[in-house]
Amino acid sequence: MAQQENQLDRERFCCSICLDLLNDPVTTGCGHSYCKSCINTHWNTGEERGSYNCPQCRQTFIPRPVLGKNTMLADLVEELKKTGLLAAPADHCYAGPEDVACDFCTGRKLKALKSCLNCLASYCEKHLQPHHQSAPLKKHKLVEPSEKLQENICSRHDEVMKIFCRTDQQCICYLCSMEEHKDHDTVSAATERKERQRELGLRRQTIQQRVQDTEKDVKLLQQEEEAVNGSADKAVEDSEKIFTELIRLLEKRSSDVKQQIRSQQETEVSRVRELQERLEQEITELKRKDRELKQLSDTEDHNQFLHNYPSLSPLSESTHSSSIRIRPLRNFEDVTAAVSQVRGRLQDILSETKTEILQILSQPDVLLPQPEPESRADFLKYSQEITLDPNTAHKHLLLSEVNRKVSCMSEDQSYSDHPDRFTGCHQVLSRESLTGRCYWEVEVEVGMRGIVDVAVTYKNISRAGNSYECSFGYNDKSWSLVCYRNSYNFYYNSIKTPVSGPVSSRVGVYLDHSAGVLSFYSVSDTMTLLHRVQTTFTQPLYAGVYCFVSTAEFCKLK
């Protein structure tokens, strides 16, 4: 209530021209008061007519009145300002450079509260009151303040554009629809707006659905982040525990070896010292007997010599030094060699483990969608050097070109037995495991009755015998493109899929392990997709080749 009274008081002391507090107030003959500068500016615009009227009551004055200062009103306004009962409008009430100004304010303009699409004007709160009070004006369409109201006026006919031309896709006025747009497909702007609003609603639904879907993905990624952090923390903790146990085990084993060496050392030293004491006693006894013999030998009396000679005690059995064998210290040297061998094997294990760990960690579980390569240059960015593992090669396969080329031979090759070797199928695997994004090419030479399978497989594919469990493409562990002289077939889990496409001597293979994509291409001047697999790979893959009466070579691409 107090705020309304304060607002009422404010309106009483405001200039009806600038709507601001009276500044240097003057009063006209009709009794209305204005800022001196505002009424003078207003009357200056009417000097051509020679008459001067009151902006509020429209009373006309001839000639132009001489304005006198309303001293009492000026003092009252200043007094009310000082007491705070008549505060000036806050700065934020006035229109700034980026605001829509009231079209009816004079002087410093206030911010517009609404714009009228019928009047094509913007109003502050005070000048908007007629639209709330007058019945005809209440029917006008009020919208948020807009500076683009004049864009609703036809530049040609100066009329409001209420019609939409669908032919030219533009708003027009009624006169335009009768002239240059006469035979066009036209509807009211409101009708077109309704149709476009419906389309807009559908687009918003699509966007909102995408937002929901994306928010779900974000939530999944947040959960994945928490899972990754939790898994990584646990892996670090478990790894530290395991390595601590391993270090403790090595320390214990080191202590055991040291204790065994010292125990053996003590035994050997004790044995040597015991023998040494016996020899030293024997030396003492021999020296004593030698002195007796010397004394007897030095006796000049023949009778005395002969008398004492029989009483000499016989020599005890000698432990001659020639019976002692000094053994080389190989026992301890062998221990050192054995420990050194353990160290070497442990280093190899740690090196292999490091490689496996780095390979596992280099493949993220969460990947944002990435476009597949399109040109051969794009594929070559993921080129993978492939070498063949002799330990897996069937004995009728000859490896050459630094284990990149395989040829089918009629006689067995001199391979030693190995558990990884294919014994029934003419197949061989790569040394390298394949994860992430990889691309390689195989040059094939197929004889009249020859066949080459360009394949990928899990490492745990069976090796012994000639069953389907061993053959590329005949189980759920391998995928194989079979190349004949004039055609291709694709095999997976014993299911045959005929493949159409140009036959080339070079086959390209693209693998995106994380995305579960495996593609085979015919490579010549251009690349032609032969077959594409979309699946989920659960293990690292290995490149494989089956050769019968043919050769295949993994190409150098770098």
Protein backbone atom coordinates (compact mmCIF):
# COMPACT_ATOMS: atom_id res chain seq x y z
CA MET A 1 0.00 0.00 0.00
CA ALA A 2 2.80 2.36 0.93
CA GLN A 3 4.48 1.50 -2.39
CA GLN A 4 1.28 2.42 -4.30
CA GLU A 5 1.03 5.73 -2.40
CA ASN A 6 4.65 6.46 -3.15
CA GLN A 7 4.03 5.64 -6.82
CA LEU A 8 0.94 7.91 -6.80
CA ASP A 9 2.94 10.77 -5.27
CA ARG A 10 5.61 10.25 -7.88
CA GLU A 11 3.13 10.52 -10.75
CA ARG A 12 1.80 13.80 -9.33
CA PHE A 13 5.25 15.35 -9.50
CA CYS A 14 6.26 13.99 -12.91
CA CYS A 15 6.32 15.90 -16.16
CA SER A 16 3.70 14.39 -18.51
CA ILE A 17 6.04 15.01 -21.44
CA CYS A 18 9.30 13.35 -20.27
CA LEU A 19 7.61 11.28 -17.53
CA ASP A 20 10.50 12.17 -15.23
CA LEU A 21 10.42 14.27 -12.06
CA LEU A 22 9.74 17.93 -12.73
CA ASN A 23 12.91 19.83 -13.39
CA ASP A 24 12.68 23.65 -13.13
CA PRO A 25 8.84 23.38 -13.16
CA VAL A 26 6.69 26.03 -14.90
CA THR A 27 2.90 26.27 -15.08
CA THR A 28 0.76 27.13 -18.12
CA GLY A 29 -2.35 29.31 -18.02
CA CYS A 30 -4.55 26.21 -17.73
CA GLY A 31 -2.81 25.19 -14.52
CA HIS A 32 -0.75 22.21 -15.76
CA SER A 33 2.91 22.04 -14.88
CA TYR A 34 5.86 20.88 -17.00
CA CYS A 35 9.62 20.95 -17.08
CA LYS A 36 10.56 24.28 -18.54
CA SER A 37 12.73 22.68 -21.24
CA CYS A 38 10.05 20.08 -22.12
CA ILE A 39 7.21 22.59 -22.69
CA ASN A 40 9.46 24.95 -24.61
CA THR A 41 10.61 22.09 -26.87
CA HIS A 42 6.96 21.09 -27.36
CA TRP A 43 5.89 24.61 -28.24
CA ASN A 44 8.87 25.15 -30.54
CA THR A 45 7.50 22.40 -32.80
CA GLY A 46 4.16 24.28 -33.06
CA GLU A 47 5.52 27.68 -33.98
CA GLU A 48 4.76 27.14 -37.69
CA ARG A 49 1.05 26.89 -36.86
CA GLY A 50 1.24 30.03 -34.72
CA SER A 51 -0.70 28.40 -31.90
CA TYR A 52 0.44 26.76 -28.66
CA ASN A 53 -1.54 24.17 -26.76
CA CYS A 54 -1.33 22.28 -23.49
CA PRO A 55 -0.17 18.65 -24.04
CA GLN A 56 -2.65 17.45 -21.40
CA CYS A 57 -5.91 19.43 -21.82
CA ARG A 58 -5.24 20.70 -25.39
CA GLN A 59 -6.15 24.32 -24.45
CA THR A 60 -4.78 26.69 -27.09
CA PHE A 61 -2.83 29.85 -26.32
CA ILE A 62 -2.28 32.76 -28.72
CA PRO A 63 0.23 34.31 -28.55
CA ARG A 64 2.88 32.09 -26.92
CA PRO A 65 2.62 32.52 -23.18
CA VAL A 66 5.49 33.71 -21.09
CA LEU A 67 6.26 30.91 -18.66
CA GLY A 68 7.01 31.62 -15.04
CA LYS A 69 8.70 29.28 -12.60
CA ASN A 70 6.40 27.49 -10.16
CA THR A 71 8.51 28.20 -7.11
CA MET A 72 6.31 26.41 -4.63
CA LEU A 73 6.20 23.23 -6.76
CA ALA A 74 9.96 23.35 -7.34
CA ASP A 75 10.63 23.68 -3.59
CA LEU A 76 8.20 20.88 -2.83
CA VAL A 77 9.84 18.50 -5.32
CA GLU A 78 13.29 19.24 -3.89
CA GLU A 79 12.03 18.76 -0.33
CA LEU A 80 10.41 15.43 -1.20
CA LYS A 81 13.64 14.29 -2.90
CA LYS A 82 15.60 15.07 0.24
CA THR A 83 13.20 13.15 2.51
CA GLY A 84 13.31 10.15 0.18
CA LEU A 85 9.55 10.16 -0.34
CA LEU A 86 10.00 10.96 -3.99
CA ALA A 87 12.90 8.90 -5.26
CA ALA A 88 13.87 9.23 -8.89
CA PRO A 89 13.38 6.18 -11.10
CA ALA A 90 16.22 3.68 -10.81
CA ASP A 91 18.71 3.74 -13.64
CA HIS A 92 17.64 0.25 -14.68
CA CYS A 93 14.15 1.64 -15.51
CA TYR A 94 15.55 3.75 -18.35
CA ALA A 95 16.22 2.29 -21.78
CA GLY A 96 19.86 1.53 -22.49
CA PRO A 97 21.57 0.98 -25.87
CA GLU A 98 20.49 -2.67 -25.96
CA ASP A 99 16.94 -2.12 -24.66
CA VAL A 100 13.69 -1.39 -26.51
CA ALA A 101 12.58 2.16 -25.66
CA CYS A 102 9.02 3.36 -25.22
CA ASP A 103 7.86 5.08 -28.44
CA PHE A 104 5.69 7.57 -26.49
CA CYS A 105 8.19 8.79 -23.90
CA THR A 106 9.84 12.13 -24.57
CA GLY A 107 13.16 13.17 -23.19
CA ARG A 108 14.91 10.31 -21.49
CA LYS A 109 12.91 7.25 -22.53
CA LEU A 110 11.90 4.40 -20.25
CA LYS A 111 12.24 0.73 -21.11
CA ALA A 112 9.33 -0.70 -23.04
CA LEU A 113 7.28 -3.28 -21.18
CA LYS A 114 5.38 -4.60 -24.23
CA SER A 115 5.18 -4.13 -27.99
CA CYS A 116 1.84 -4.07 -29.84
CA LEU A 117 1.66 -5.91 -33.15
CA ASN A 118 -1.46 -3.92 -34.13
CA CYS A 119 -0.16 -0.47 -33.25
CA LEU A 120 3.39 -1.41 -34.24
CA ALA A 121 4.66 0.53 -31.25
CA SER A 122 6.35 -0.23 -27.93
CA TYR A 123 5.10 1.05 -24.57
CA CYS A 124 6.46 1.56 -21.10
CA GLU A 125 4.25 0.69 -18.14
CA LYS A 126 2.48 4.07 -18.01
CA HIS A 127 1.83 4.40 -21.73
CA LEU A 128 0.67 0.79 -21.86
CA GLN A 129 -2.27 1.50 -19.52
CA PRO A 130 -4.74 2.36 -22.35
CA HIS A 131 -4.24 -1.15 -23.77
CA HIS A 132 -5.38 -2.55 -20.42
CA GLN A 133 -8.27 -0.11 -19.95
CA SER A 134 -9.76 0.56 -23.41
CA ALA A 135 -11.99 -2.21 -24.79
CA PRO A 136 -10.83 -1.85 -28.44
CA LEU A 137 -7.18 -1.77 -27.41
CA LYS A 138 -7.58 -4.85 -25.21
CA LYS A 139 -7.99 -6.89 -28.41
CA HIS A 140 -4.54 -5.91 -29.67
CA LYS A 141 -1.76 -8.48 -29.68
CA LEU A 142 0.85 -7.60 -27.06
CA VAL A 143 4.27 -9.30 -27.21
CA GLU A 144 7.65 -8.95 -25.55
CA PRO A 145 9.41 -5.68 -26.47
CA SER A 146 10.79 -5.85 -30.03
CA GLU A 147 12.85 -3.48 -32.15
CA LYS A 148 11.77 -5.25 -35.34
CA LEU A 149 8.18 -4.05 -35.46
CA GLN A 150 8.78 -2.02 -38.61
CA GLU A 151 9.73 -5.22 -40.40
CA ASN A 152 6.00 -6.06 -40.28
CA ILE A 153 5.25 -3.06 -42.55
CA CYS A 154 5.25 -3.54 -46.34
CA SER A 155 7.92 -1.22 -47.72
CA ARG A 156 5.93 -0.78 -50.94
CA HIS A 157 2.40 -0.14 -49.66
CA ASP A 158 3.12 0.90 -46.05
CA GLU A 159 0.60 -1.69 -44.87
CA VAL A 160 0.85 -4.34 -42.17
CA MET A 161 1.91 -7.68 -43.70
CA LYS A 162 -0.68 -10.24 -42.54
CA ILE A 163 -0.48 -12.64 -45.49
CA PHE A 164 2.15 -15.27 -46.32
CA CYS A 165 3.01 -16.17 -49.90
CA ARG A 166 3.97 -19.85 -50.02
CA THR A 167 5.10 -19.50 -53.64
CA ASP A 168 7.76 -16.91 -52.80
CA GLN A 169 8.11 -17.89 -49.14
CA GLN A 170 7.66 -14.35 -47.80
CA CYS A 171 5.24 -12.21 -45.83
CA ILE A 172 3.16 -9.70 -47.86
CA CYS A 173 0.38 -7.22 -47.32
CA TYR A 174 -3.18 -7.40 -48.64
CA LEU A 175 -2.37 -5.12 -51.61
CA CYS A 176 0.62 -7.28 -52.57
CA SER A 177 -1.69 -10.31 -52.69
CA MET A 178 -3.92 -8.46 -55.16
CA GLU A 179 -1.06 -7.36 -57.42
CA GLU A 180 2.29 -9.12 -58.02
CA HIS A 181 1.31 -12.14 -55.88
CA LYS A 182 -2.18 -12.39 -57.38
CA ASP A 183 -1.99 -15.98 -58.67
CA HIS A 184 0.33 -17.26 -55.95
CA ASP A 185 -0.47 -19.72 -53.18
CA THR A 186 -1.25 -17.41 -50.28
CA VAL A 187 -2.61 -17.96 -46.78
CA SER A 188 -2.90 -15.82 -43.69
CA ALA A 189 0.29 -15.40 -41.71
CA ALA A 190 -1.52 -16.92 -38.72
CA THR A 191 -2.38 -20.07 -40.74
CA GLU A 192 1.18 -20.46 -41.98
CA ARG A 193 2.47 -19.83 -38.48
CA LYS A 194 0.21 -22.63 -37.17
CA GLU A 195 1.62 -25.07 -39.75
CA ARG A 196 5.21 -24.02 -39.12
CA GLN A 197 4.54 -24.19 -35.38
CA ARG A 198 3.49 -27.81 -35.79
CA GLU A 199 6.70 -28.57 -37.71
CA LEU A 200 8.65 -26.71 -35.07
CA GLY A 201 7.02 -28.84 -32.40
CA LEU A 202 8.08 -32.00 -34.21
CA ARG A 203 11.63 -30.70 -34.53
CA ARG A 204 11.67 -29.82 -30.86
CA GLN A 205 10.48 -33.32 -30.03
CA THR A 206 13.32 -34.71 -32.11
CA ILE A 207 15.82 -32.43 -30.40
CA GLN A 208 14.45 -33.21 -26.95
CA GLN A 209 14.63 -36.93 -27.71
CA ARG A 210 18.22 -36.52 -28.83
CA VAL A 211 18.93 -34.54 -25.67
CA GLN A 212 17.47 -37.37 -23.59
CA ASP A 213 19.45 -39.97 -25.52
CA THR A 214 22.63 -37.92 -25.22
CA GLU A 215 22.04 -37.37 -21.50
CA LYS A 216 21.71 -41.15 -21.13
CA ASP A 217 25.02 -41.53 -22.96
CA VAL A 218 26.59 -38.90 -20.69
CA LYS A 219 25.27 -40.77 -17.67
CA LEU A 220 26.66 -44.02 -19.04
CA LEU A 221 30.02 -42.31 -19.60
CA GLN A 222 29.92 -40.96 -16.04
CA GLN A 223 29.24 -44.47 -14.79
CA GLU A 224 32.02 -45.74 -17.04
CA GLU A 225 34.36 -43.11 -15.59
CA GLU A 226 33.51 -44.23 -12.07
CA ALA A 227 33.97 -47.86 -13.11
CA VAL A 228 37.31 -47.07 -14.79
CA ASN A 229 38.54 -45.19 -11.72
CA GLY A 230 37.38 -47.95 -9.39
CA SER A 231 38.86 -50.69 -11.56
CA ALA A 232 42.14 -48.80 -12.00
CA ASP A 233 42.44 -48.16 -8.24
CA LYS A 234 41.77 -51.82 -7.50
CA ALA A 235 44.24 -52.92 -10.19
CA VAL A 236 46.93 -50.65 -8.71
CA GLU A 237 46.20 -51.92 -5.21
CA ASP A 238 46.19 -55.58 -6.30
CA SER A 239 49.30 -55.10 -8.44
CA GLU A 240 51.18 -53.49 -5.56
CA LYS A 241 50.11 -56.36 -3.30
CA ILE A 242 51.19 -58.96 -5.86
CA PHE A 243 54.54 -57.27 -6.51
CA THR A 244 55.07 -56.88 -2.75
CA GLU A 245 54.47 -60.61 -2.35
CA LEU A 246 56.76 -61.28 -5.29
CA ILE A 247 59.48 -59.10 -3.76
CA ARG A 248 58.99 -60.85 -0.42
CA LEU A 249 59.23 -64.22 -2.18
CA LEU A 250 62.43 -63.16 -3.96
CA GLU A 251 63.88 -61.89 -0.69
CA LYS A 252 63.00 -65.19 1.01
CA ARG A 253 64.44 -67.17 -1.87
CA SER A 254 67.58 -64.99 -1.73
CA SER A 255 67.84 -65.63 2.02
CA ASP A 256 67.37 -69.39 1.48
CA VAL A 257 70.07 -69.51 -1.19
CA LYS A 258 72.42 -67.48 1.01
CA GLN A 259 71.74 -69.79 3.96
CA GLN A 260 72.31 -72.91 1.85
CA ILE A 261 75.57 -71.49 0.49
CA ARG A 262 76.77 -70.60 4.00
CA SER A 263 75.77 -74.03 5.31
CA GLN A 264 77.63 -75.75 2.50
CA GLN A 265 80.54 -73.39 3.07
CA GLU A 266 80.63 -74.32 6.77
CA THR A 267 80.53 -78.06 5.97
CA GLU A 268 83.29 -77.81 3.40
CA VAL A 269 85.49 -75.61 5.62
CA SER A 270 84.98 -77.98 8.57
CA ARG A 271 85.93 -81.00 6.43
CA VAL A 272 89.05 -79.21 5.15
CA ARG A 273 90.11 -78.09 8.62
CA GLU A 274 89.66 -81.60 10.09
CA LEU A 275 91.84 -83.09 7.39
CA GLN A 276 94.30 -80.27 7.82
CA GLU A 277 94.63 -81.02 11.56
CA ARG A 278 95.19 -84.70 10.88
CA LEU A 279 97.91 -83.88 8.39
CA GLU A 280 99.55 -81.45 10.78
CA GLN A 281 99.58 -84.15 13.52
CA GLU A 282 101.08 -86.59 11.08
CA ILE A 283 103.75 -84.04 10.21
CA THR A 284 104.58 -83.61 13.91
CA GLU A 285 104.86 -87.37 14.44
CA LEU A 286 107.01 -87.83 11.32
CA LYS A 287 109.36 -85.08 12.43
CA ARG A 288 109.73 -86.72 15.86
CA LYS A 289 110.57 -90.08 14.27
CA ASP A 290 112.96 -88.38 11.90
CA ARG A 291 114.83 -86.95 14.88
CA GLU A 292 115.08 -90.42 16.46
CA LEU A 293 116.39 -91.89 13.26
CA LYS A 294 118.85 -89.06 12.89
CA GLN A 295 120.04 -89.57 16.46
CA LEU A 296 120.50 -93.31 15.83
CA SER A 297 122.16 -92.60 12.55
CA ASP A 298 124.61 -90.27 14.22
CA THR A 299 125.67 -92.95 16.80
CA GLU A 300 129.35 -93.84 16.26
CA ASP A 301 129.30 -96.93 18.38
CA HIS A 302 128.49 -99.83 16.08
CA ASN A 303 127.38 -102.11 18.83
CA GLN A 304 125.06 -99.46 20.26
CA PHE A 305 123.59 -98.72 16.81
CA LEU A 306 122.85 -102.40 16.20
CA HIS A 307 121.46 -102.84 19.66
CA ASN A 308 118.95 -99.95 19.30
CA TYR A 309 117.93 -100.43 15.70
CA PRO A 310 115.46 -103.30 16.31
CA SER A 311 113.60 -101.20 18.86
CA LEU A 312 112.55 -98.63 16.27
CA SER A 313 108.75 -98.44 16.02
CA PRO A 314 107.28 -99.03 12.60
CA LEU A 315 105.88 -96.06 10.61
CA SER A 316 102.12 -95.62 10.72
CA GLU A 317 100.15 -95.59 7.47
CA SER A 318 100.69 -92.31 5.76
CA THR A 319 97.89 -90.02 4.59
CA HIS A 320 99.94 -88.76 1.75
CA SER A 321 99.04 -85.45 0.16
CA SER A 322 98.95 -87.15 -3.22
CA SER A 323 95.68 -88.84 -2.12
CA ILE A 324 93.98 -85.46 -1.54
CA ARG A 325 92.08 -84.10 -4.54
CA ILE A 326 91.55 -80.35 -4.68
CA ARG A 327 88.10 -79.96 -6.28
CA PRO A 328 87.44 -76.84 -8.36
CA LEU A 329 84.90 -74.50 -6.71
CA ARG A 330 82.24 -75.35 -9.24
CA ASN A 331 79.47 -75.86 -6.71
CA PHE A 332 79.28 -72.19 -5.80
CA GLU A 333 79.89 -71.07 -9.37
CA ASP A 334 77.03 -73.30 -10.48
CA VAL A 335 74.78 -71.64 -7.90
CA THR A 336 75.71 -68.22 -9.29
CA ALA A 337 75.00 -69.44 -12.83
CA ALA A 338 71.66 -70.89 -11.73
CA VAL A 339 70.64 -67.63 -10.03
CA SER A 340 71.75 -65.70 -13.09
CA GLN A 341 69.63 -67.99 -15.26
CA VAL A 342 66.64 -67.37 -13.00
CA ARG A 343 67.25 -63.64 -13.32
CA GLY A 344 67.29 -63.91 -17.11
CA ARG A 345 64.07 -65.92 -17.19
CA LEU A 346 62.46 -63.49 -14.77
CA GLN A 347 63.53 -60.56 -16.96
CA ASP A 348 61.99 -62.25 -19.99
CA ILE A 349 58.76 -62.88 -18.10
CA LEU A 350 58.62 -59.27 -16.88
CA SER A 351 59.35 -57.99 -20.38
CA GLU A 352 56.59 -60.12 -21.90
CA THR A 353 54.23 -59.13 -19.11
CA LYS A 354 55.03 -55.44 -19.66
CA THR A 355 54.25 -55.79 -23.37
CA GLU A 356 50.98 -57.55 -22.65
CA ILE A 357 50.00 -54.96 -20.02
CA LEU A 358 50.81 -52.05 -22.33
CA GLN A 359 48.84 -53.71 -25.12
CA ILE A 360 45.85 -54.19 -22.83
CA LEU A 361 46.00 -50.65 -21.47
CA SER A 362 46.39 -49.12 -24.94
CA GLN A 363 42.90 -50.31 -25.91
CA PRO A 364 40.24 -48.13 -24.22
CA ASP A 365 36.91 -49.73 -23.42
CA VAL A 366 34.97 -46.56 -24.26
CA LEU A 367 35.40 -45.05 -27.69
CA LEU A 368 33.50 -42.23 -29.31
CA PRO A 369 32.25 -43.15 -32.77
CA GLN A 370 34.93 -42.59 -35.39
CA PRO A 371 34.43 -42.56 -39.14
CA GLU A 372 35.86 -45.50 -41.04
CA PRO A 373 38.65 -44.82 -43.55
CA GLU A 374 37.48 -44.08 -47.08
CA SER A 375 40.55 -43.82 -49.30
CA ARG A 376 43.54 -46.13 -49.44
CA ALA A 377 45.64 -43.32 -47.98
CA ASP A 378 43.30 -43.28 -44.97
CA PHE A 379 43.66 -47.06 -44.58
CA LEU A 380 47.44 -46.85 -44.78
CA LYS A 381 47.45 -44.67 -41.66
CA TYR A 382 46.61 -47.87 -39.77
CA SER A 383 49.04 -50.16 -41.63
CA GLN A 384 50.28 -53.09 -39.55
CA GLU A 385 53.46 -55.02 -40.35
CA ILE A 386 52.70 -58.74 -40.31
CA THR A 387 55.28 -61.51 -39.93
CA LEU A 388 54.47 -65.20 -39.80
CA ASP A 389 55.25 -67.46 -36.85
CA PRO A 390 57.27 -70.54 -37.98
CA ASN A 391 56.12 -72.41 -34.86
CA THR A 392 52.54 -72.38 -36.20
CA ALA A 393 53.25 -73.27 -39.86
CA HIS A 394 52.07 -76.59 -41.26
CA LYS A 395 55.01 -78.72 -42.40
CA HIS A 396 54.00 -78.39 -46.07
CA LEU A 397 54.30 -74.59 -45.89
CA LEU A 398 57.59 -72.86 -46.69
CA LEU A 399 58.19 -69.43 -45.14
CA SER A 400 60.46 -66.92 -46.90
CA GLU A 401 61.04 -63.18 -47.33
CA VAL A 402 61.84 -62.84 -43.64
CA ASN A 403 58.72 -64.81 -42.71
CA ARG A 404 56.34 -62.63 -44.73
CA LYS A 405 55.75 -65.06 -47.63
CA VAL A 406 54.26 -68.55 -47.46
CA SER A 407 54.29 -71.16 -50.23
CA CYS A 408 52.60 -74.55 -50.39
CA MET A 409 55.16 -77.34 -50.94
CA SER A 410 54.67 -81.03 -51.76
CA GLU A 411 57.23 -82.24 -49.22
CA ASP A 412 57.57 -81.66 -45.50
CA GLN A 413 59.78 -78.83 -44.30
CA SER A 414 62.29 -79.33 -41.49
CA TYR A 415 60.21 -77.93 -38.68
CA SER A 416 60.58 -79.24 -35.14
CA ASP A 417 57.51 -80.38 -33.26
CA HIS A 418 55.71 -77.58 -31.50
CA PRO A 419 52.32 -77.45 -29.68
CA ASP A 420 51.32 -74.34 -31.68
CA ARG A 421 51.85 -76.00 -35.08
CA PHE A 422 48.90 -76.83 -37.37
CA THR A 423 49.22 -80.53 -38.07
CA GLY A 424 46.33 -81.16 -40.46
CA CYS A 425 45.45 -77.83 -42.14
CA HIS A 426 47.87 -75.96 -44.42
CA GLN A 427 47.70 -72.88 -42.20
CA VAL A 428 50.00 -70.42 -40.45
CA LEU A 429 49.44 -67.53 -38.00
CA SER A 430 51.09 -64.16 -37.50
CA ARG A 431 53.46 -63.44 -34.64
CA GLU A 432 51.66 -60.18 -33.92
CA SER A 433 48.37 -60.00 -32.02
CA LEU A 434 45.92 -57.49 -33.51
CA THR A 435 43.88 -55.04 -31.49
CA GLY A 436 42.73 -51.48 -32.08
CA ARG A 437 42.68 -50.31 -35.69
CA CYS A 438 44.85 -52.31 -38.12
CA TYR A 439 45.18 -52.58 -41.89
CA TRP A 440 47.29 -54.99 -43.95
CA GLU A 441 47.43 -56.32 -47.49
CA VAL A 442 48.13 -59.81 -48.82
CA GLU A 443 49.43 -60.54 -52.34
CA VAL A 444 48.02 -63.89 -53.46
CA GLU A 445 49.04 -66.21 -56.32
CA VAL A 446 46.43 -68.90 -56.83
CA GLY A 447 47.15 -71.91 -59.07
CA MET A 448 44.59 -73.66 -61.30
CA ARG A 449 43.45 -75.84 -58.41
CA GLY A 450 44.79 -73.53 -55.73
CA ILE A 451 43.10 -71.79 -52.83
CA VAL A 452 44.24 -69.03 -50.48
CA ASP A 453 42.33 -68.15 -47.31
CA VAL A 454 42.99 -64.66 -45.94
CA ALA A 455 41.79 -64.95 -42.36
CA VAL A 456 41.80 -63.64 -38.81
CA THR A 457 41.42 -65.88 -35.79
CA TYR A 458 41.63 -66.09 -32.02
CA LYS A 459 44.84 -67.64 -30.73
CA ASN A 460 43.00 -70.52 -29.03
CA ILE A 461 41.88 -72.08 -32.32
CA SER A 462 42.64 -75.80 -32.33
CA ARG A 463 45.88 -76.89 -34.01
CA ALA A 464 45.92 -80.70 -34.13
CA GLY A 465 44.17 -82.64 -36.89
CA ASN A 466 42.05 -81.66 -39.85
CA SER A 467 38.69 -81.04 -38.14
CA TYR A 468 36.48 -77.98 -38.51
CA GLU A 469 37.77 -76.80 -35.14
CA CYS A 470 41.13 -76.18 -36.82
CA SER A 471 40.02 -74.80 -40.21
CA PHE A 472 39.72 -71.06 -40.80
CA GLY A 473 36.07 -70.03 -41.23
CA TYR A 474 34.57 -73.32 -40.04
CA ASN A 475 34.22 -72.40 -36.37
CA ASP A 476 33.25 -69.41 -34.20
CA LYS A 477 36.89 -68.47 -33.58
CA SER A 478 37.91 -67.45 -37.11
CA TRP A 479 36.75 -65.42 -40.11
CA SER A 480 38.03 -66.25 -43.60
CA LEU A 481 37.87 -64.81 -47.12
CA VAL A 482 38.52 -67.72 -49.54
CA CYS A 483 40.27 -66.59 -52.75
CA TYR A 484 39.94 -68.65 -55.93
CA ARG A 485 41.27 -67.74 -59.36
CA ASN A 486 38.07 -65.97 -60.42
CA SER A 487 35.89 -65.56 -57.35
CA TYR A 488 35.62 -65.13 -53.57
CA ASN A 489 33.62 -66.73 -50.76
CA PHE A 490 33.42 -65.73 -47.11
CA TYR A 491 33.20 -68.31 -44.32
CA TYR A 492 32.35 -67.99 -40.63
CA ASN A 493 31.23 -70.83 -38.37
CA SER A 494 30.85 -73.09 -41.45
CA ILE A 495 28.40 -70.63 -43.08
CA LYS A 496 29.31 -69.79 -46.65
CA THR A 497 28.55 -66.33 -48.07
CA PRO A 498 29.21 -65.74 -51.81
CA VAL A 499 31.14 -62.50 -52.37
CA SER A 500 30.83 -60.38 -55.50
CA GLY A 501 33.45 -57.90 -56.60
CA PRO A 502 36.45 -57.49 -58.88
CA VAL A 503 39.04 -60.22 -58.45
CA SER A 504 42.48 -58.81 -57.69
CA SER A 505 45.81 -60.35 -56.76
CA ARG A 506 45.90 -58.13 -53.67
CA VAL A 507 43.46 -58.33 -50.76
CA GLY A 508 43.25 -55.59 -48.13
CA VAL A 509 42.06 -56.35 -44.59
CA TYR A 510 40.83 -53.63 -42.21
CA LEU A 511 40.18 -54.39 -38.54
CA ASP A 512 38.66 -52.10 -35.90
CA HIS A 513 38.81 -54.45 -32.94
CA SER A 514 37.01 -52.20 -30.45
CA ALA A 515 34.19 -51.37 -32.87
CA GLY A 516 33.89 -55.02 -33.94
CA VAL A 517 34.47 -54.21 -37.63
CA LEU A 518 36.30 -56.54 -40.05
CA SER A 519 36.38 -55.64 -43.75
CA PHE A 520 37.98 -57.27 -46.81
CA TYR A 521 38.85 -55.23 -49.92
CA SER A 522 39.91 -55.94 -53.48
CA VAL A 523 42.91 -53.64 -54.00
CA SER A 524 44.02 -52.41 -57.43
CA ASP A 525 43.96 -48.82 -58.65
CA THR A 526 40.95 -48.42 -56.39
CA MET A 527 39.69 -50.22 -53.31
CA THR A 528 36.43 -52.18 -53.57
CA LEU A 529 34.70 -53.51 -50.46
CA LEU A 530 34.20 -57.28 -50.80
CA HIS A 531 32.71 -58.17 -47.44
CA ARG A 532 32.16 -56.46 -44.10
CA VAL A 533 31.63 -58.08 -40.69
CA GLN A 534 30.05 -56.33 -37.71
CA THR A 535 30.43 -58.32 -34.50
CA THR A 536 32.00 -58.21 -31.04
CA PHE A 537 35.56 -59.47 -30.66
CA THR A 538 36.28 -60.91 -27.22
CA GLN A 539 40.01 -61.63 -27.63
CA PRO A 540 42.98 -60.26 -29.55
CA LEU A 541 43.07 -61.52 -33.13
CA TYR A 542 45.87 -62.98 -35.25
CA ALA A 543 46.26 -62.80 -39.01
CA GLY A 544 46.18 -66.20 -40.68
CA VAL A 545 46.69 -67.73 -44.14
CA TYR A 546 45.65 -71.06 -45.62
CA CYS A 547 47.58 -72.08 -48.77
CA PHE A 548 46.96 -74.96 -51.13
CA VAL A 549 48.81 -75.06 -54.48
CA SER A 550 49.40 -71.33 -54.09
CA THR A 551 51.47 -68.61 -52.37
CA ALA A 552 50.62 -65.58 -50.28
CA GLU A 553 52.79 -62.70 -49.14
CA PHE A 554 52.08 -60.00 -46.55
CA CYS A 555 53.01 -56.72 -48.24
CA LYS A 556 55.29 -54.03 -46.89
CA LEU A 557 53.13 -50.91 -46.73
CA LYS A 558 55.46 -48.42 -45.04
